[in-house]
Amino acid sequence: MLMSAFLLMALDPAILAADLAVPEDVVFEPGIEYSNPDNQHLQLNLARPKSGSGPFPAIVCIHGGGFRAGHRDGYNKLCLTLAQQGYVAITVSYRLSPKYQFPAAVQDVKAGVRWLRANAKKYNLDPDRIGVTGGSAGGHLAQFLGVTAGVKQFEGDGGNPEQSSSVACVVNFYGPSDFTKSYGKSVDAAEVLPLFFGGNLEQEHRKHIMGSPLYWVTPNAAPTLCIHGTEDKYVAYEQATWIVDRLKACEVEVELLTLDGAGHGFKGADVEKADKAMLAFFEKHLKPDKK
């Protein structure tokens, strides 16, 4: 089971851990502390191939949950699957709202990327081939990583500051791109976004702009695949078209997989289509020597 079954749900980590079967060809290391902002002891889970010459490409998986819920364990099975396909994969925790507002979550996932680079030799990974994926809020954070490489204000004071937080490619599962246009187009934006930004659009308009990946796109953005359903009631489909059009305008490689009739989370054949597209995109950009 891959990405699409785990994108949004705030699952019980105890249940997820009990249900986890680690394949024989994978090494799984949970609960590794990667950063400690505000004494929060943020952790990640890591899956890697048990054998192979490497160095392996790496992928960061970022859970959803409206920036206020969710757990990294929701992506454990995806990480195991990616490890079986020759990746070092991590799923990261990050600080949640309302206690921690934007840009805390952005700073944390950037620290996760920096941690990977700092530990490249230990885990036999290639620091120049790091991709990122996530769904919903996690899709937003993944997209934000792809468009803000080198923007110092988002690095924070987490670990390994000497390392870069840039990524080689992004797979964004229905993450919002423009929060200034979320209100009225999402069933929970009016509840979720004021917690994330410390106020609604009228009260914190500039923060909504600053937190929107759309306004950070440059020609240096990472190649991106957006996957979005046309009937998404939480993050409108047009959010994907906006970021795709902006990336195209900047001559950044970008693809959009539109799933007609799909909502916020995929079922049936849509799961297979989404996962196939995700894996093909990562292979193209993180395994360029593989024909």
Protein backbone atom coordinates (compact mmCIF):
# COMPACT_ATOMS: atom_id res chain seq x y z
CA MET A 1 0.00 0.00 0.00
CA LEU A 2 1.44 3.31 -1.05
CA MET A 3 0.90 7.02 -0.63
CA SER A 4 -2.76 7.60 -1.26
CA ALA A 5 -4.17 5.56 1.60
CA PHE A 6 -2.30 7.58 4.20
CA LEU A 7 -2.43 11.16 3.04
CA LEU A 8 -4.75 13.03 5.38
CA MET A 9 -5.73 10.84 8.31
CA ALA A 10 -4.64 11.62 11.86
CA LEU A 11 -4.08 7.96 12.65
CA ASP A 12 -3.28 6.41 16.00
CA PRO A 13 0.49 5.74 15.90
CA ALA A 14 0.14 2.77 18.24
CA ILE A 15 -2.22 1.07 15.79
CA LEU A 16 0.03 1.89 12.86
CA ALA A 17 3.12 0.53 14.61
CA ALA A 18 1.35 -2.68 15.57
CA ASP A 19 0.24 -3.23 11.98
CA LEU A 20 3.68 -2.61 10.47
CA ALA A 21 5.42 -5.57 8.86
CA VAL A 22 8.99 -4.74 7.88
CA PRO A 23 10.13 -6.60 4.73
CA GLU A 24 13.24 -8.73 5.04
CA ASP A 25 15.13 -6.62 2.51
CA VAL A 26 14.55 -3.35 4.43
CA VAL A 27 16.08 -1.80 7.54
CA PHE A 28 13.57 0.28 9.50
CA GLU A 29 14.73 2.72 12.17
CA PRO A 30 11.95 4.63 13.96
CA GLY A 31 12.19 7.47 16.44
CA ILE A 32 15.39 9.20 15.35
CA GLU A 33 15.65 12.75 16.68
CA TYR A 34 16.55 15.12 13.85
CA SER A 35 15.94 18.57 15.32
CA ASN A 36 15.05 20.12 18.68
CA PRO A 37 13.43 23.54 18.23
CA ASP A 38 11.88 24.90 21.41
CA ASN A 39 12.81 21.65 23.18
CA GLN A 40 10.32 19.67 21.05
CA HIS A 41 12.67 16.76 20.18
CA LEU A 42 11.32 16.21 16.67
CA GLN A 43 11.72 12.69 15.34
CA LEU A 44 11.70 10.85 12.06
CA ASN A 45 11.34 7.24 10.97
CA LEU A 46 13.78 5.92 8.37
CA ALA A 47 13.60 2.99 5.97
CA ARG A 48 16.51 1.95 3.76
CA PRO A 49 17.55 -0.97 1.58
CA LYS A 50 19.31 -3.72 3.53
CA SER A 51 21.67 -4.41 0.64
CA GLY A 52 22.94 -2.66 -2.49
CA SER A 53 25.94 -0.58 -3.37
CA GLY A 54 24.43 2.90 -3.19
CA PRO A 55 24.64 5.73 -2.65
CA PHE A 56 20.86 5.67 -2.77
CA PRO A 57 18.52 8.55 -3.62
CA ALA A 58 16.36 9.72 -0.73
CA ILE A 59 12.75 10.84 -0.26
CA VAL A 60 11.19 12.88 2.54
CA CYS A 61 7.51 12.08 3.27
CA ILE A 62 5.40 14.74 5.01
CA HIS A 63 2.07 13.87 6.61
CA GLY A 64 -1.12 15.90 6.34
CA GLY A 65 -3.69 16.85 8.94
CA GLY A 66 -4.50 20.52 8.45
CA PHE A 67 -1.22 21.64 10.05
CA ARG A 68 -2.78 20.76 13.42
CA ALA A 69 -2.97 16.96 13.44
CA GLY A 70 -1.55 13.84 11.79
CA HIS A 71 1.47 11.72 12.62
CA ARG A 72 4.60 10.66 10.78
CA ASP A 73 3.74 6.98 11.33
CA GLY A 74 1.02 7.35 8.70
CA TYR A 75 3.75 7.14 6.07
CA ASN A 76 5.66 4.18 7.49
CA LYS A 77 4.33 1.77 4.88
CA LEU A 78 5.13 4.17 2.06
CA CYS A 79 8.68 4.49 3.36
CA LEU A 80 9.04 0.70 3.45
CA THR A 81 7.80 0.46 -0.13
CA LEU A 82 10.21 3.16 -1.26
CA ALA A 83 13.09 1.41 0.50
CA GLN A 84 12.28 -1.78 -1.40
CA GLN A 85 12.60 0.24 -4.59
CA GLY A 86 16.05 1.52 -3.74
CA TYR A 87 15.42 4.72 -1.79
CA VAL A 88 16.33 5.89 1.67
CA ALA A 89 12.96 7.20 2.86
CA ILE A 90 12.07 9.19 5.95
CA THR A 91 8.77 10.35 7.41
CA VAL A 92 9.08 13.37 9.67
CA SER A 93 7.16 14.92 12.55
CA TYR A 94 6.82 18.70 12.64
CA ARG A 95 5.43 21.27 15.05
CA LEU A 96 1.66 21.65 14.82
CA SER A 97 -0.75 24.56 15.19
CA PRO A 98 -2.22 26.30 17.05
CA LYS A 99 0.72 26.17 19.49
CA TYR A 100 3.18 26.59 16.64
CA GLN A 101 2.20 28.79 13.73
CA PHE A 102 3.70 29.42 10.30
CA PRO A 103 6.57 29.16 9.51
CA ALA A 104 7.45 26.62 12.24
CA ALA A 105 6.32 23.61 10.19
CA VAL A 106 8.27 24.84 7.17
CA GLN A 107 11.40 25.28 9.27
CA ASP A 108 11.03 21.77 10.64
CA VAL A 109 10.71 19.95 7.32
CA LYS A 110 13.68 21.94 6.02
CA ALA A 111 15.63 20.71 9.03
CA GLY A 112 14.62 17.19 8.03
CA VAL A 113 16.17 17.64 4.59
CA ARG A 114 19.32 19.09 6.16
CA TRP A 115 19.50 16.10 8.53
CA LEU A 116 19.50 13.75 5.55
CA ARG A 117 22.41 15.56 3.96
CA ALA A 118 24.35 15.66 7.22
CA ASN A 119 23.92 11.89 7.55
CA ALA A 120 24.48 10.99 3.91
CA LYS A 121 27.56 8.86 4.58
CA LYS A 122 26.02 7.06 7.56
CA TYR A 123 22.98 5.96 5.56
CA ASN A 124 24.71 5.61 2.19
CA LEU A 125 22.53 8.17 0.43
CA ASP A 126 23.23 10.69 -2.31
CA PRO A 127 22.81 14.26 -0.96
CA ASP A 128 22.24 15.56 -4.50
CA ARG A 129 19.24 13.27 -5.08
CA ILE A 130 16.66 14.09 -2.42
CA GLY A 131 12.98 14.27 -3.34
CA VAL A 132 9.96 15.16 -1.23
CA THR A 133 6.30 14.25 -1.16
CA GLY A 134 3.26 14.82 1.02
CA GLY A 135 -0.49 15.13 0.98
CA SER A 136 -2.79 18.04 1.79
CA ALA A 137 -0.93 20.09 4.45
CA GLY A 138 2.02 17.81 3.74
CA GLY A 139 1.65 18.55 0.03
CA HIS A 140 1.83 22.23 0.81
CA LEU A 141 5.00 21.76 2.86
CA ALA A 142 6.54 19.60 0.14
CA GLN A 143 5.74 22.25 -2.46
CA PHE A 144 7.11 24.96 -0.19
CA LEU A 145 10.42 23.10 -0.01
CA GLY A 146 10.49 23.00 -3.78
CA VAL A 147 10.13 26.76 -4.24
CA THR A 148 12.11 28.24 -1.32
CA ALA A 149 15.59 26.75 -1.61
CA GLY A 150 18.08 29.23 -0.21
CA VAL A 151 15.46 31.52 1.38
CA LYS A 152 17.11 32.08 4.75
CA GLN A 153 14.03 33.28 6.62
CA PHE A 154 12.52 29.80 6.39
CA GLU A 155 15.54 27.82 7.56
CA GLY A 156 14.87 28.36 11.27
CA ASP A 157 17.30 27.41 14.03
CA GLY A 158 17.01 23.63 13.73
CA GLY A 159 19.92 21.26 13.34
CA ASN A 160 22.66 21.07 10.71
CA PRO A 161 22.50 24.72 9.57
CA GLU A 162 25.56 24.22 7.38
CA GLN A 163 23.57 21.96 5.06
CA SER A 164 21.22 22.94 2.23
CA SER A 165 17.47 22.29 2.48
CA SER A 166 16.97 22.22 -1.30
CA VAL A 167 15.24 19.27 -2.94
CA ALA A 168 15.63 17.77 -6.40
CA CYS A 169 11.94 17.19 -7.08
CA VAL A 170 8.47 17.38 -5.54
CA VAL A 171 5.36 15.21 -5.70
CA ASN A 172 2.49 17.26 -4.31
CA PHE A 173 -0.72 15.39 -3.47
CA TYR A 174 -3.49 18.01 -3.32
CA GLY A 175 -1.59 20.62 -1.35
CA PRO A 176 -2.86 24.22 -1.39
CA SER A 177 -0.84 26.78 -3.32
CA ASP A 178 -2.61 30.09 -2.58
CA PHE A 179 -4.13 30.53 0.88
CA THR A 180 -5.50 33.97 -0.01
CA LYS A 181 -8.07 32.17 -2.18
CA SER A 182 -8.85 29.23 0.10
CA TYR A 183 -11.67 30.82 2.08
CA GLY A 184 -15.07 30.00 0.61
CA LYS A 185 -13.55 27.29 -1.58
CA SER A 186 -12.73 24.83 1.21
CA VAL A 187 -15.00 23.24 3.81
CA ASP A 188 -12.53 23.83 6.63
CA ALA A 189 -10.23 26.70 5.60
CA ALA A 190 -11.99 29.17 7.88
CA GLU A 191 -11.31 26.84 10.80
CA VAL A 192 -7.82 25.62 9.94
CA LEU A 193 -5.99 28.62 8.49
CA PRO A 194 -6.52 31.10 11.35
CA LEU A 195 -4.88 28.54 13.64
CA PHE A 196 -1.93 28.20 11.28
CA PHE A 197 -1.44 31.92 10.64
CA GLY A 198 -2.63 33.41 13.93
CA GLY A 199 -5.60 35.10 12.33
CA ASN A 200 -7.94 34.96 9.35
CA LEU A 201 -7.31 36.44 5.92
CA GLU A 202 -8.40 39.92 6.97
CA GLN A 203 -6.34 39.88 10.15
CA GLU A 204 -3.17 38.26 8.76
CA HIS A 205 -3.33 38.86 5.02
CA ARG A 206 0.42 39.16 4.52
CA LYS A 207 1.08 35.88 6.36
CA HIS A 208 -1.36 34.13 4.04
CA ILE A 209 0.66 35.45 1.10
CA MET A 210 4.00 34.55 2.67
CA GLY A 211 2.77 31.04 3.41
CA SER A 212 1.53 30.38 -0.14
CA PRO A 213 3.96 28.48 -2.40
CA LEU A 214 2.51 30.25 -5.44
CA TYR A 215 4.20 33.51 -4.51
CA TRP A 216 7.65 31.94 -4.11
CA VAL A 217 7.92 30.31 -7.53
CA THR A 218 11.04 31.23 -9.50
CA PRO A 219 12.87 29.61 -12.42
CA ASN A 220 14.98 27.84 -9.78
CA ALA A 221 12.04 25.86 -8.38
CA ALA A 222 12.31 22.07 -8.27
CA PRO A 223 10.61 19.90 -10.92
CA THR A 224 7.12 19.14 -9.66
CA LEU A 225 4.31 16.65 -10.11
CA CYS A 226 0.91 17.75 -8.78
CA ILE A 227 -1.79 15.12 -8.27
CA HIS A 228 -5.29 16.44 -7.57
CA GLY A 229 -8.91 15.36 -7.80
CA THR A 230 -11.51 17.55 -9.47
CA GLU A 231 -14.05 17.08 -6.65
CA ASP A 232 -11.78 17.96 -3.73
CA LYS A 233 -13.87 19.81 -1.14
CA TYR A 234 -10.94 20.62 1.17
CA VAL A 235 -8.37 21.92 -1.32
CA ALA A 236 -9.99 23.06 -4.56
CA TYR A 237 -8.64 21.54 -7.78
CA GLU A 238 -7.84 25.02 -9.08
CA GLN A 239 -5.12 25.30 -6.41
CA ALA A 240 -3.15 22.74 -8.44
CA THR A 241 -3.73 24.51 -11.74
CA TRP A 242 -2.47 27.81 -10.33
CA ILE A 243 0.87 26.43 -9.13
CA VAL A 244 1.30 24.39 -12.33
CA ASP A 245 0.67 27.45 -14.51
CA ARG A 246 3.10 29.55 -12.47
CA LEU A 247 5.81 26.91 -12.68
CA LYS A 248 5.28 26.61 -16.43
CA ALA A 249 5.54 30.39 -16.77
CA CYS A 250 8.94 30.17 -15.05
CA GLU A 251 9.96 27.32 -17.39
CA VAL A 252 10.15 24.83 -14.53
CA GLU A 253 9.43 21.22 -15.43
CA VAL A 254 5.97 20.42 -14.06
CA GLU A 255 3.26 17.84 -14.57
CA LEU A 256 -0.36 17.70 -13.43
CA LEU A 257 -2.21 14.43 -12.96
CA THR A 258 -5.91 15.25 -12.87
CA LEU A 259 -8.17 12.60 -11.35
CA ASP A 260 -11.70 13.29 -12.56
CA GLY A 261 -14.28 12.94 -9.83
CA ALA A 262 -11.76 12.25 -7.07
CA GLY A 263 -12.00 13.98 -3.75
CA HIS A 264 -9.55 14.71 -0.95
CA GLY A 265 -8.04 11.25 -0.82
CA PHE A 266 -8.22 8.66 -3.58
CA LYS A 267 -10.01 5.33 -3.93
CA GLY A 268 -9.92 2.37 -6.25
CA ALA A 269 -8.26 2.87 -9.62
CA ASP A 270 -7.29 6.44 -8.69
CA VAL A 271 -4.96 5.12 -5.99
CA GLU A 272 -3.14 2.99 -8.54
CA LYS A 273 -2.89 5.87 -11.03
CA ALA A 274 -1.55 8.27 -8.40
CA ASP A 275 0.99 5.88 -6.97
CA LYS A 276 2.23 4.84 -10.42
CA ALA A 277 2.71 8.48 -11.39
CA MET A 278 4.52 9.27 -8.16
CA LEU A 279 6.97 6.39 -8.50
CA ALA A 280 7.63 7.14 -12.17
CA PHE A 281 8.33 10.80 -11.39
CA PHE A 282 10.75 9.95 -8.61
CA GLU A 283 12.51 7.41 -10.80
CA LYS A 284 12.87 9.96 -13.58
CA HIS A 285 14.38 12.64 -11.37
CA LEU A 286 16.20 10.65 -8.69
CA LYS A 287 17.43 7.73 -10.80
CA PRO A 288 18.36 9.44 -14.08
CA ASP A 289 20.91 6.76 -14.93
CA LYS A 290 18.27 4.03 -14.86
CA LYS A 291 16.83 3.24 -18.27
